[in-house]
Amino acid sequence: MLLRHLSVKVNPFYLYGMYKAKKEADRYKAAKEELELVQLRLLQLQKQQNGQEDAKLDKEIEYMQNRVSGLVYKLNEMEKEYGL
């Protein structure tokens, strides 16, 4: 009966839901930004390679490709979960 008299702004369930939604939205935005930065770095490395054989550069490119794949998977899962 006590919750009936609480306004939406002070309802603890509403506040918790809003906090959780904001946190998830921030996480999604951060993942999108990180994906963009990693893709740009990967593109830069690929241009730097320019047909040359360099084991260190090849390893870094492979690492960046794995990070891109992981981030794309993570974003797809978040989009499925939140219906985006």
Protein backbone atom coordinates (compact mmCIF):
# COMPACT_ATOMS: atom_id res chain seq x y z
CA MET A 1 0.00 0.00 0.00
CA LEU A 2 2.93 2.31 0.63
CA LEU A 3 4.09 2.27 -3.00
CA ARG A 4 0.70 3.53 -4.16
CA HIS A 5 1.48 6.94 -2.69
CA LEU A 6 4.92 7.30 -4.29
CA SER A 7 5.26 9.38 -7.42
CA VAL A 8 7.03 8.00 -10.46
CA LYS A 9 10.07 10.14 -9.75
CA VAL A 10 10.70 8.58 -6.34
CA ASN A 11 9.49 5.05 -7.07
CA PRO A 12 12.54 2.83 -6.38
CA PHE A 13 11.55 0.30 -9.06
CA TYR A 14 11.27 3.03 -11.67
CA LEU A 15 14.55 4.61 -10.61
CA TYR A 16 16.35 1.27 -10.72
CA GLY A 17 14.90 0.50 -14.16
CA MET A 18 15.97 3.89 -15.49
CA TYR A 19 19.45 3.48 -14.00
CA LYS A 20 19.83 0.05 -15.57
CA ALA A 21 18.54 1.25 -18.97
CA LYS A 22 20.94 4.21 -18.97
CA LYS A 23 23.86 1.98 -18.02
CA GLU A 24 23.05 -0.46 -20.84
CA ALA A 25 22.64 2.38 -23.35
CA ASP A 26 26.02 3.80 -22.31
CA ARG A 27 27.59 0.36 -22.67
CA TYR A 28 26.13 0.00 -26.17
CA LYS A 29 27.35 3.44 -27.25
CA ALA A 30 30.84 2.75 -25.88
CA ALA A 31 30.99 -0.56 -27.75
CA LYS A 32 29.94 1.17 -31.00
CA GLU A 33 32.64 3.82 -30.54
CA GLU A 34 35.26 1.20 -29.71
CA LEU A 35 34.31 -0.78 -32.84
CA GLU A 36 34.71 2.32 -34.98
CA LEU A 37 38.15 3.07 -33.52
CA VAL A 38 39.35 -0.52 -33.91
CA GLN A 39 38.12 -0.60 -37.52
CA LEU A 40 39.99 2.62 -38.25
CA ARG A 41 43.16 1.21 -36.69
CA LEU A 42 42.77 -1.99 -38.72
CA LEU A 43 42.37 0.01 -41.92
CA GLN A 44 45.46 2.04 -41.05
CA LEU A 45 47.48 -1.14 -40.46
CA GLN A 46 46.29 -2.68 -43.72
CA LYS A 47 47.32 0.44 -45.63
CA GLN A 48 50.65 0.44 -43.83
CA GLN A 49 51.24 -3.18 -44.84
CA ASN A 50 50.84 -2.33 -48.53
CA GLY A 51 51.79 -5.79 -49.81
CA GLN A 52 54.92 -6.09 -47.68
CA GLU A 53 55.63 -9.10 -45.52
CA ASP A 54 56.12 -8.11 -41.89
CA ALA A 55 55.40 -10.71 -39.23
CA LYS A 56 54.84 -8.16 -36.47
CA LEU A 57 52.42 -6.15 -38.60
CA ASP A 58 50.61 -9.31 -39.72
CA LYS A 59 50.16 -10.37 -36.12
CA GLU A 60 48.78 -6.94 -35.15
CA ILE A 61 46.38 -7.00 -38.12
CA GLU A 62 45.16 -10.45 -37.09
CA TYR A 63 44.68 -9.24 -33.51
CA MET A 64 42.67 -6.22 -34.69
CA GLN A 65 40.52 -8.43 -36.95
CA ASN A 66 39.75 -10.65 -33.96
CA ARG A 67 38.81 -7.59 -31.88
CA VAL A 68 36.52 -6.35 -34.67
CA SER A 69 34.85 -9.76 -34.87
CA GLY A 70 34.38 -9.88 -31.11
CA LEU A 71 32.93 -6.39 -30.95
CA VAL A 72 30.56 -7.05 -33.86
CA TYR A 73 29.35 -10.20 -32.11
CA LYS A 74 28.91 -8.33 -28.82
CA LEU A 75 26.94 -5.55 -30.52
CA ASN A 76 24.74 -8.04 -32.39
CA GLU A 77 23.94 -9.79 -29.11
CA MET A 78 23.09 -6.47 -27.44
CA GLU A 79 20.86 -5.53 -30.38
CA LYS A 80 19.04 -8.85 -30.19
CA GLU A 81 18.57 -8.52 -26.44
CA TYR A 82 17.23 -4.96 -26.62
CA GLY A 83 15.38 -5.24 -29.93
CA LEU A 84 17.43 -2.65 -31.78
